[in-house]
Amino acid sequence: MSKTQSSAAQQNSKPAANNLEAFWMPFSANRQFKAAPRMFVAAKDMHYTTDDGRQVLDATAGLWCCNIGHARPKVVKAVQKQIEELDYAPAFQMGHPKVFELASRVATLMPGTLDHVFFTNSGSESVDTALKIALAYHNVRGQAGRTRLIGRERGYHGVGFGGISVGGIVNNRKFFGSLLNGVDHLPHTHNLKENAYSKGIPNWGAHLADELEKIVALHGAETIAAVIVEPVAGSTGVLLPPKGYLQKLREICTRHGILLIFDEVITAFGRCGNAATAAEIFGVQPDIITMAKGLTAGTIPMGAVAVDKKIYDAFMNGPEGAIELFHGYTYSGHPVAAAAGLATLDTYQEEGLFQRSAELAPYWENALHALKGLPHIIDIRNIGLIGAIEMEGIPGKPTARAFEAFLQCFEKGLLIRTTGDTIALSPPLIISKPQIDEIFSTLSTVIKKLA
């Protein structure tokens, strides 16, 4: 390339000031946003700072991920130090100390014999990894006919082709063709008639797990590799498992030799109470758990898949010099992400944040359910430090009412998340009682004024 061409290329690569067009925003109404941008320029502890200098209380932990709050000193220092020391190391046939340390730390937090950890870069990658491991596991055990995967209606398992195939959110699926073959779906567990305004786990609906037996009868257990569900379905609107539902799924999967995968990208790391996983909160032992978000508290992208010892051991029977699993990512176990993960786990432990989540849960529940009776609200749901307020939709304008609440809350200094006509809440675990009061005071004011 000539000097003239190089100079021209550099000139063309210079960003135009305040040009918003080049960035195609994910899961966003791009035209609406770019007409009236909402910009964050800084964050600390429980608050974001906007480009016009306002403080916005984070009631969503970013996107369910900033469980320890923002810009926490231990994590910031760990990331800075790691970049100076070792910015990148390949994970294929090579290693670095911190990724092994992090895997050991994560494994100790997992229930039962889930004692091996495969690292990814996101929840979507974690789900696709888990599905591939499940298929490969049956293959190496001589049951290659087990290729069918079972998801659930309204489930969200990221945006990889595997995740949207087993997922059950219509708009996430319908634009992308036929997806993976051999996938079935269980019915979702959301029922307003039976369970509206339940506090915590609803009573009705355990029998919905029996639908898995019908799928087994239709296809034959010998064709089914795995069932994947979120213990609490988050992105679809915080749908809670009925009492006994997850236990039934576990029993059916065990009976038929089917792996049970819990997608805990949202629920892991204290979100549901005083435990690292929702599996422990519900007392149900899956074979695989997917994680991301709270693993590094949003600081550096990272995901993980924890697998039962029997799964890992099944791959370790070939020649010692052979690759056991033909899967991985360039950034699996990235050194900077591993450093962030270790510092995040330290912060959870040193500040007792899992215990704090459980201690604040009753106060959170009471404040959330105090909104009952306000205009347009048709249900309120909660577990741990998760909450949902389901709004009655405006005829012909689905999602409009909740999105208007989102916009008005932002103007009043509160960040909430909406999915459909549901407001979803998941604050950092460092939240205080006065900040909980502030969240629901602002929400009450906004909801009362909605059309």
Protein backbone atom coordinates (compact mmCIF):
# COMPACT_ATOMS: atom_id res chain seq x y z
CA MET A 1 0.00 0.00 0.00
CA SER A 2 1.38 3.43 -0.94
CA LYS A 3 1.84 6.19 1.59
CA THR A 4 -0.93 8.13 -0.18
CA GLN A 5 -3.34 5.20 0.05
CA SER A 6 -2.43 4.59 3.69
CA SER A 7 -3.07 8.22 4.58
CA ALA A 8 -6.41 8.20 2.75
CA ALA A 9 -7.48 5.01 4.54
CA GLN A 10 -6.61 6.54 7.90
CA GLN A 11 -8.57 9.69 7.08
CA ASN A 12 -11.60 7.64 6.08
CA SER A 13 -11.44 5.64 9.30
CA LYS A 14 -11.73 8.69 11.52
CA PRO A 15 -15.12 8.67 13.28
CA ALA A 16 -17.48 11.54 12.60
CA ALA A 17 -18.34 13.45 15.75
CA ASN A 18 -21.70 12.41 17.26
CA ASN A 19 -22.41 10.06 14.36
CA LEU A 20 -24.68 7.33 15.72
CA GLU A 21 -25.45 5.60 12.44
CA ALA A 22 -22.52 3.19 12.12
CA PHE A 23 -23.46 1.13 15.20
CA TRP A 24 -26.29 -1.35 14.54
CA MET A 25 -27.56 -1.70 18.10
CA PRO A 26 -28.61 -5.14 19.40
CA PHE A 27 -32.18 -5.80 20.56
CA SER A 28 -32.95 -2.08 20.13
CA ALA A 29 -35.32 0.17 18.25
CA ASN A 30 -32.41 1.77 16.39
CA ARG A 31 -34.36 4.58 14.72
CA GLN A 32 -36.15 5.53 17.92
CA PHE A 33 -32.93 5.55 19.94
CA LYS A 34 -30.91 7.54 17.43
CA ALA A 35 -33.64 10.18 17.29
CA ALA A 36 -33.44 10.64 21.08
CA PRO A 37 -30.30 8.93 22.45
CA ARG A 38 -29.91 7.79 26.03
CA MET A 39 -26.18 7.78 26.78
CA PHE A 40 -24.23 6.52 29.79
CA VAL A 41 -20.69 7.85 30.19
CA ALA A 42 -19.70 6.51 33.61
CA ALA A 43 -20.80 4.13 36.35
CA LYS A 44 -20.00 3.60 40.02
CA ASP A 45 -21.52 1.22 42.57
CA MET A 46 -25.33 1.49 42.15
CA HIS A 47 -25.49 4.34 39.63
CA TYR A 48 -24.83 5.23 36.02
CA THR A 49 -23.97 8.77 34.94
CA THR A 50 -25.57 10.12 31.77
CA ASP A 51 -23.91 12.40 29.21
CA ASP A 52 -25.85 15.33 30.67
CA GLY A 53 -24.54 14.62 34.18
CA ARG A 54 -27.59 12.93 35.75
CA GLN A 55 -27.33 9.98 38.15
CA VAL A 56 -29.44 6.94 37.20
CA LEU A 57 -30.10 4.21 39.76
CA ASP A 58 -29.39 0.81 38.24
CA ALA A 59 -32.34 -1.47 38.99
CA THR A 60 -31.27 -4.07 36.41
CA ALA A 61 -27.59 -4.72 37.18
CA GLY A 62 -26.84 -3.58 33.65
CA LEU A 63 -28.33 -6.53 31.75
CA TRP A 64 -28.68 -8.88 34.73
CA CYS A 65 -24.88 -8.99 35.00
CA CYS A 66 -23.38 -6.30 37.28
CA ASN A 67 -24.17 -8.23 40.46
CA ILE A 68 -21.47 -6.54 42.55
CA GLY A 69 -22.25 -3.07 41.23
CA HIS A 70 -20.06 -0.94 39.01
CA ALA A 71 -16.33 -0.14 38.99
CA ARG A 72 -15.60 -2.10 42.15
CA PRO A 73 -11.97 -1.51 43.22
CA LYS A 74 -10.82 -5.13 43.54
CA VAL A 75 -11.99 -5.99 40.03
CA VAL A 76 -10.65 -2.77 38.49
CA LYS A 77 -7.20 -3.36 39.99
CA ALA A 78 -7.17 -7.03 38.99
CA VAL A 79 -7.98 -6.20 35.37
CA GLN A 80 -5.39 -3.42 35.21
CA LYS A 81 -2.68 -5.64 36.67
CA GLN A 82 -3.51 -8.57 34.41
CA ILE A 83 -3.33 -6.54 31.20
CA GLU A 84 0.13 -5.35 32.20
CA GLU A 85 1.25 -8.86 33.13
CA LEU A 86 -0.33 -11.15 30.49
CA ASP A 87 -2.84 -9.67 28.07
CA TYR A 88 -3.62 -12.84 26.11
CA ALA A 89 -2.68 -16.51 26.10
CA PRO A 90 -4.01 -19.21 23.77
CA ALA A 91 -6.22 -21.84 25.36
CA PHE A 92 -5.59 -24.52 22.73
CA GLN A 93 -2.78 -26.81 23.99
CA MET A 94 -1.57 -23.99 26.25
CA GLY A 95 -2.63 -22.47 29.54
CA HIS A 96 -2.07 -19.78 32.13
CA PRO A 97 -2.43 -20.07 35.92
CA LYS A 98 -5.45 -17.87 36.49
CA VAL A 99 -7.83 -19.85 34.26
CA PHE A 100 -7.09 -23.04 36.22
CA GLU A 101 -7.54 -21.19 39.49
CA LEU A 102 -10.85 -19.74 38.33
CA ALA A 103 -12.10 -23.13 37.14
CA SER A 104 -11.28 -24.61 40.55
CA ARG A 105 -13.01 -21.74 42.34
CA VAL A 106 -16.13 -22.02 40.19
CA ALA A 107 -16.23 -25.80 40.59
CA THR A 108 -16.23 -25.49 44.39
CA LEU A 109 -19.35 -23.30 44.12
CA MET A 110 -21.27 -25.79 41.99
CA PRO A 111 -23.69 -28.31 43.50
CA GLY A 112 -22.98 -32.01 43.72
CA THR A 113 -20.40 -33.47 41.36
CA LEU A 114 -20.37 -30.66 38.78
CA ASP A 115 -16.62 -30.38 39.08
CA HIS A 116 -15.30 -29.49 35.62
CA VAL A 117 -15.64 -26.09 33.92
CA PHE A 118 -15.39 -25.13 30.24
CA PHE A 119 -14.98 -21.40 29.60
CA THR A 120 -16.76 -19.37 26.93
CA ASN A 121 -17.27 -15.65 26.28
CA SER A 122 -21.03 -15.22 26.77
CA GLY A 123 -24.24 -16.87 27.82
CA SER A 124 -25.09 -17.66 24.20
CA GLU A 125 -21.77 -19.46 23.77
CA SER A 126 -22.29 -21.27 27.07
CA VAL A 127 -25.64 -22.65 25.88
CA ASP A 128 -24.33 -23.79 22.50
CA THR A 129 -21.35 -25.36 24.29
CA ALA A 130 -23.61 -27.21 26.71
CA LEU A 131 -25.76 -28.56 23.90
CA LYS A 132 -22.70 -29.74 21.97
CA ILE A 133 -21.24 -31.39 25.06
CA ALA A 134 -24.55 -33.19 25.66
CA LEU A 135 -24.65 -34.52 22.11
CA ALA A 136 -20.99 -35.54 22.17
CA TYR A 137 -21.38 -37.21 25.58
CA HIS A 138 -23.98 -39.64 24.31
CA ASN A 139 -21.88 -40.20 21.19
CA VAL A 140 -18.72 -41.20 23.05
CA ARG A 141 -20.80 -43.55 25.19
CA GLY A 142 -22.07 -45.40 22.13
CA GLN A 143 -25.52 -43.77 22.09
CA ALA A 144 -25.10 -41.60 19.01
CA GLY A 145 -28.83 -41.89 18.29
CA ARG A 146 -29.53 -39.48 21.16
CA THR A 147 -29.63 -36.27 19.13
CA ARG A 148 -32.97 -34.72 20.05
CA LEU A 149 -32.95 -31.59 22.25
CA ILE A 150 -35.87 -30.39 24.36
CA GLY A 151 -36.37 -26.73 25.28
CA ARG A 152 -39.38 -24.87 26.59
CA GLU A 153 -41.85 -22.32 25.29
CA ARG A 154 -40.88 -18.76 26.22
CA GLY A 155 -37.39 -19.95 27.13
CA TYR A 156 -34.43 -17.71 26.35
CA HIS A 157 -31.10 -19.39 25.77
CA GLY A 158 -29.14 -16.72 23.98
CA VAL A 159 -28.83 -16.00 20.28
CA GLY A 160 -26.65 -18.78 18.85
CA PHE A 161 -28.37 -21.17 16.48
CA GLY A 162 -28.49 -23.82 19.18
CA GLY A 163 -29.86 -21.38 21.74
CA ILE A 164 -32.63 -20.00 19.55
CA SER A 165 -33.53 -23.53 18.43
CA VAL A 166 -34.19 -24.73 21.98
CA GLY A 167 -35.43 -21.27 22.99
CA GLY A 168 -39.09 -20.42 22.79
CA ILE A 169 -39.39 -16.66 22.25
CA VAL A 170 -41.15 -16.24 18.90
CA ASN A 171 -39.47 -13.08 17.61
CA ASN A 172 -36.04 -14.49 18.42
CA ARG A 173 -36.75 -17.47 16.16
CA LYS A 174 -39.06 -16.61 13.30
CA PHE A 175 -36.68 -14.50 11.19
CA PHE A 176 -33.92 -17.12 10.96
CA GLY A 177 -35.27 -20.08 9.05
CA SER A 178 -35.66 -23.68 10.13
CA LEU A 179 -32.91 -23.65 12.83
CA LEU A 180 -31.75 -27.00 14.26
CA ASN A 181 -33.72 -30.12 13.41
CA GLY A 182 -34.95 -32.53 16.06
CA VAL A 183 -35.98 -30.00 18.71
CA ASP A 184 -39.17 -30.10 20.78
CA HIS A 185 -40.52 -27.74 23.41
CA LEU A 186 -42.21 -28.21 26.77
CA PRO A 187 -45.09 -25.84 27.61
CA HIS A 188 -44.17 -22.79 29.66
CA THR A 189 -45.31 -22.52 33.28
CA HIS A 190 -46.88 -19.04 33.27
CA ASN A 191 -50.56 -19.05 34.25
CA LEU A 192 -52.18 -15.83 35.45
CA LYS A 193 -55.47 -17.49 36.33
CA GLU A 194 -53.86 -19.88 38.81
CA ASN A 195 -50.77 -18.04 40.03
CA ALA A 196 -51.18 -14.26 39.69
CA TYR A 197 -49.54 -12.26 42.50
CA SER A 198 -47.82 -15.30 44.00
CA LYS A 199 -45.06 -14.33 46.39
CA GLY A 200 -42.09 -16.46 45.50
CA ILE A 201 -42.65 -19.92 44.04
CA PRO A 202 -46.25 -20.50 42.82
CA ASN A 203 -48.20 -23.53 43.96
CA TRP A 204 -49.89 -24.52 40.71
CA GLY A 205 -48.25 -26.18 37.74
CA ALA A 206 -45.91 -29.01 38.75
CA HIS A 207 -47.90 -31.32 36.48
CA LEU A 208 -46.64 -29.39 33.44
CA ALA A 209 -43.37 -31.28 33.80
CA ASP A 210 -45.26 -34.46 32.87
CA GLU A 211 -45.41 -33.15 29.30
CA LEU A 212 -41.84 -34.40 29.02
CA GLU A 213 -43.13 -37.98 29.34
CA LYS A 214 -45.36 -37.37 26.32
CA ILE A 215 -42.36 -36.22 24.27
CA VAL A 216 -40.43 -39.29 25.40
CA ALA A 217 -43.34 -41.52 24.39
CA LEU A 218 -43.56 -39.83 20.98
CA HIS A 219 -39.90 -40.04 20.02
CA GLY A 220 -38.42 -42.69 22.31
CA ALA A 221 -36.01 -41.96 25.15
CA GLU A 222 -33.17 -43.44 23.11
CA THR A 223 -33.39 -40.46 20.72
CA ILE A 224 -33.29 -37.66 23.33
CA ALA A 225 -29.98 -36.14 24.42
CA ALA A 226 -30.93 -33.34 26.79
CA VAL A 227 -33.58 -31.08 28.27
CA ILE A 228 -32.61 -27.45 28.83
CA VAL A 229 -34.57 -25.02 31.00
CA GLU A 230 -33.92 -21.86 32.95
CA PRO A 231 -34.72 -22.54 36.63
CA VAL A 232 -36.24 -19.03 36.54
CA ALA A 233 -36.96 -17.79 33.03
CA GLY A 234 -35.61 -14.25 33.15
CA SER A 235 -35.57 -12.50 29.80
CA THR A 236 -39.09 -13.60 28.92
CA GLY A 237 -40.51 -11.85 31.98
CA VAL A 238 -39.41 -13.66 35.17
CA LEU A 239 -41.41 -16.90 35.02
CA LEU A 240 -41.00 -18.95 38.19
CA PRO A 241 -41.06 -22.74 38.40
CA PRO A 242 -44.08 -24.12 40.25
CA LYS A 243 -43.41 -26.06 43.43
CA GLY A 244 -42.15 -29.52 42.52
CA TYR A 245 -41.80 -28.77 38.80
CA LEU A 246 -38.02 -28.88 38.55
CA GLN A 247 -37.92 -31.96 40.78
CA LYS A 248 -40.27 -33.74 38.36
CA LEU A 249 -38.14 -32.81 35.39
CA ARG A 250 -35.10 -34.22 37.19
CA GLU A 251 -36.91 -37.49 37.95
CA ILE A 252 -38.10 -37.97 34.37
CA CYS A 253 -34.68 -37.18 32.90
CA THR A 254 -32.99 -39.61 35.29
CA ARG A 255 -35.49 -42.35 34.49
CA HIS A 256 -34.83 -42.08 30.76
CA GLY A 257 -31.09 -41.35 30.73
CA ILE A 258 -31.59 -37.78 29.49
CA LEU A 259 -29.20 -35.01 30.57
CA LEU A 260 -30.78 -32.08 32.41
CA ILE A 261 -29.23 -28.69 31.66
CA PHE A 262 -29.98 -25.65 33.80
CA ASP A 263 -29.38 -22.39 32.00
CA GLU A 264 -28.23 -20.19 34.87
CA VAL A 265 -26.77 -17.34 32.85
CA ILE A 266 -29.11 -15.03 34.79
CA THR A 267 -29.77 -16.93 38.02
CA ALA A 268 -26.22 -17.88 39.03
CA PHE A 269 -24.07 -16.02 41.55
CA GLY A 270 -26.47 -15.00 44.28
CA ARG A 271 -29.34 -13.70 42.18
CA CYS A 272 -31.88 -16.08 43.73
CA GLY A 273 -30.59 -16.13 47.29
CA ASN A 274 -27.77 -17.39 49.48
CA ALA A 275 -26.17 -19.74 46.97
CA ALA A 276 -24.09 -19.60 43.83
CA THR A 277 -26.77 -21.37 41.78
CA ALA A 278 -30.54 -21.60 41.58
CA ALA A 279 -30.06 -25.37 41.43
CA GLU A 280 -28.98 -25.25 45.08
CA ILE A 281 -31.83 -22.89 46.00
CA PHE A 282 -34.37 -25.32 44.49
CA GLY A 283 -32.57 -28.45 45.67
CA VAL A 284 -32.38 -29.97 42.19
CA GLN A 285 -29.19 -31.43 40.74
CA PRO A 286 -28.75 -30.88 36.98
CA ASP A 287 -26.07 -32.55 34.88
CA ILE A 288 -24.85 -29.31 33.31
CA ILE A 289 -25.10 -25.64 34.35
CA THR A 290 -24.48 -22.72 31.99
CA MET A 291 -23.24 -19.41 33.39
CA ALA A 292 -22.04 -15.95 32.29
CA LYS A 293 -23.16 -12.46 33.45
CA GLY A 294 -22.46 -12.58 37.20
CA LEU A 295 -19.28 -14.62 36.70
CA THR A 296 -17.31 -11.43 36.02
CA ALA A 297 -20.11 -9.05 37.04
CA GLY A 298 -20.17 -7.63 33.52
CA THR A 299 -16.62 -6.27 33.69
CA ILE A 300 -15.08 -8.46 30.97
CA PRO A 301 -17.19 -10.81 28.81
CA MET A 302 -16.97 -14.39 30.05
CA GLY A 303 -19.18 -17.45 30.28
CA ALA A 304 -18.77 -20.96 31.63
CA VAL A 305 -20.27 -24.42 31.50
CA ALA A 306 -20.03 -26.66 34.55
CA VAL A 307 -20.44 -30.38 33.89
CA ASP A 308 -20.89 -33.42 36.06
CA LYS A 309 -17.83 -35.57 36.65
CA LYS A 310 -19.43 -38.48 34.77
CA ILE A 311 -19.65 -36.32 31.62
CA TYR A 312 -16.02 -35.20 31.73
CA ASP A 313 -14.79 -38.70 32.53
CA ALA A 314 -16.67 -40.16 29.54
CA PHE A 315 -14.43 -38.15 27.22
CA MET A 316 -11.18 -39.20 28.90
CA ASN A 317 -11.00 -42.78 27.61
CA GLY A 318 -9.22 -42.29 24.27
CA PRO A 319 -5.47 -42.00 23.55
CA GLU A 320 -3.82 -39.54 25.92
CA GLY A 321 -2.38 -37.46 23.08
CA ALA A 322 -5.75 -37.03 21.32
CA ILE A 323 -8.07 -34.04 21.58
CA GLU A 324 -11.13 -35.15 23.55
CA LEU A 325 -13.62 -32.41 22.57
CA PHE A 326 -13.42 -30.62 19.24
CA HIS A 327 -14.83 -27.36 20.49
CA GLY A 328 -13.55 -24.07 21.87
CA TYR A 329 -13.10 -20.35 21.29
CA THR A 330 -10.10 -18.10 20.67
CA TYR A 331 -10.91 -16.29 23.91
CA SER A 332 -11.88 -19.28 26.08
CA GLY A 333 -10.49 -18.56 29.54
CA HIS A 334 -9.03 -15.21 28.50
CA PRO A 335 -6.44 -14.06 31.08
CA VAL A 336 -8.05 -10.67 31.71
CA ALA A 337 -11.51 -12.22 32.01
CA ALA A 338 -10.13 -14.85 34.38
CA ALA A 339 -8.59 -12.12 36.54
CA ALA A 340 -11.91 -10.29 36.58
CA GLY A 341 -13.70 -13.51 37.51
CA LEU A 342 -11.39 -14.25 40.43
CA ALA A 343 -11.73 -10.70 41.76
CA THR A 344 -15.51 -10.90 41.36
CA LEU A 345 -15.68 -14.16 43.32
CA ASP A 346 -13.51 -12.56 45.99
CA THR A 347 -15.92 -9.63 46.19
CA TYR A 348 -18.95 -11.91 46.55
CA GLN A 349 -17.21 -13.74 49.40
CA GLU A 350 -15.61 -10.81 51.21
CA GLU A 351 -18.80 -8.73 51.19
CA GLY A 352 -21.15 -11.66 51.85
CA LEU A 353 -23.26 -10.74 48.82
CA PHE A 354 -25.01 -14.10 48.40
CA GLN A 355 -26.13 -13.88 52.03
CA ARG A 356 -27.06 -10.23 51.51
CA SER A 357 -29.26 -11.22 48.58
CA ALA A 358 -31.18 -13.63 50.80
CA GLU A 359 -31.43 -11.13 53.67
CA LEU A 360 -32.82 -8.37 51.44
CA ALA A 361 -35.23 -10.67 49.57
CA PRO A 362 -38.18 -10.30 52.01
CA TYR A 363 -37.85 -6.50 52.00
CA TRP A 364 -37.62 -6.56 48.20
CA GLU A 365 -40.69 -8.82 47.98
CA ASN A 366 -42.81 -6.57 50.20
CA ALA A 367 -41.81 -3.40 48.36
CA LEU A 368 -42.50 -5.01 44.99
CA HIS A 369 -45.90 -6.43 45.93
CA ALA A 370 -46.94 -3.09 47.46
CA LEU A 371 -47.51 -1.99 43.85
CA LYS A 372 -50.48 -4.37 43.59
CA GLY A 373 -53.65 -2.45 42.77
CA LEU A 374 -51.98 0.26 40.71
CA PRO A 375 -53.43 0.90 37.25
CA HIS A 376 -52.65 -1.56 34.45
CA ILE A 377 -50.81 -4.12 36.64
CA ILE A 378 -52.05 -7.69 36.14
CA ASP A 379 -49.34 -9.67 37.96
CA ILE A 380 -46.28 -9.31 40.19
CA ARG A 381 -43.62 -12.03 40.54
CA ASN A 382 -40.44 -12.38 42.58
CA ILE A 383 -37.64 -14.57 43.85
CA GLY A 384 -34.43 -13.49 45.54
CA LEU A 385 -33.48 -10.10 44.14
CA ILE A 386 -35.51 -10.55 40.96
CA GLY A 387 -38.87 -8.94 40.33
CA ALA A 388 -41.41 -8.62 37.54
CA ILE A 389 -44.39 -6.35 37.06
CA GLU A 390 -46.64 -7.52 34.26
CA MET A 391 -48.71 -4.77 32.65
CA GLU A 392 -51.92 -5.11 30.69
CA GLY A 393 -51.06 -4.43 27.06
CA ILE A 394 -52.60 -1.63 25.04
CA PRO A 395 -54.84 -3.19 22.34
CA GLY A 396 -53.00 -3.14 19.03
CA LYS A 397 -49.82 -1.78 20.64
CA PRO A 398 -48.01 -4.67 22.34
CA THR A 399 -45.04 -3.63 24.53
CA ALA A 400 -45.94 0.08 24.26
CA ARG A 401 -47.10 0.61 27.84
CA ALA A 402 -44.09 -1.03 29.47
CA PHE A 403 -41.70 0.77 27.12
CA GLU A 404 -43.27 4.10 28.02
CA ALA A 405 -42.66 3.24 31.68
CA PHE A 406 -39.02 2.54 30.78
CA LEU A 407 -38.64 5.95 29.13
CA GLN A 408 -40.31 7.83 31.97
CA CYS A 409 -38.27 5.99 34.61
CA PHE A 410 -35.07 6.90 32.79
CA GLU A 411 -36.05 10.56 32.83
CA LYS A 412 -36.64 10.26 36.58
CA GLY A 413 -33.23 8.69 37.22
CA LEU A 414 -34.11 4.99 37.27
CA LEU A 415 -32.99 2.23 34.90
CA ILE A 416 -35.48 -0.61 34.47
CA ARG A 417 -35.76 -3.32 31.82
CA THR A 418 -38.81 -4.29 29.83
CA THR A 419 -39.63 -7.49 27.98
CA GLY A 420 -42.95 -7.47 26.19
CA ASP A 421 -45.38 -5.77 28.57
CA THR A 422 -43.43 -6.83 31.65
CA ILE A 423 -41.05 -4.69 33.68
CA ALA A 424 -38.14 -6.84 34.90
CA LEU A 425 -35.95 -5.83 37.84
CA SER A 426 -32.65 -7.32 39.05
CA PRO A 427 -30.54 -4.79 40.96
CA PRO A 428 -26.90 -5.28 41.99
CA LEU A 429 -26.64 -7.29 45.20
CA ILE A 430 -25.07 -4.30 46.95
CA ILE A 431 -28.39 -2.42 46.89
CA SER A 432 -29.59 -0.80 50.14
CA LYS A 433 -33.09 -0.66 51.58
CA PRO A 434 -33.40 3.09 50.87
CA GLN A 435 -32.47 2.39 47.25
CA ILE A 436 -35.12 -0.35 47.08
CA ASP A 437 -37.61 2.22 48.37
CA GLU A 438 -36.45 4.66 45.70
CA ILE A 439 -36.96 2.12 42.93
CA PHE A 440 -40.55 1.37 43.87
CA SER A 441 -41.44 4.97 44.71
CA THR A 442 -40.35 6.01 41.24
CA LEU A 443 -42.13 3.08 39.63
CA SER A 444 -45.32 3.85 41.53
CA THR A 445 -45.26 7.46 40.37
CA VAL A 446 -44.65 6.46 36.76
CA ILE A 447 -47.22 3.66 36.62
CA LYS A 448 -49.96 5.85 38.05
CA LYS A 449 -49.48 8.29 35.16
CA LEU A 450 -49.35 5.76 32.32
CA ALA A 451 -52.10 5.90 29.73
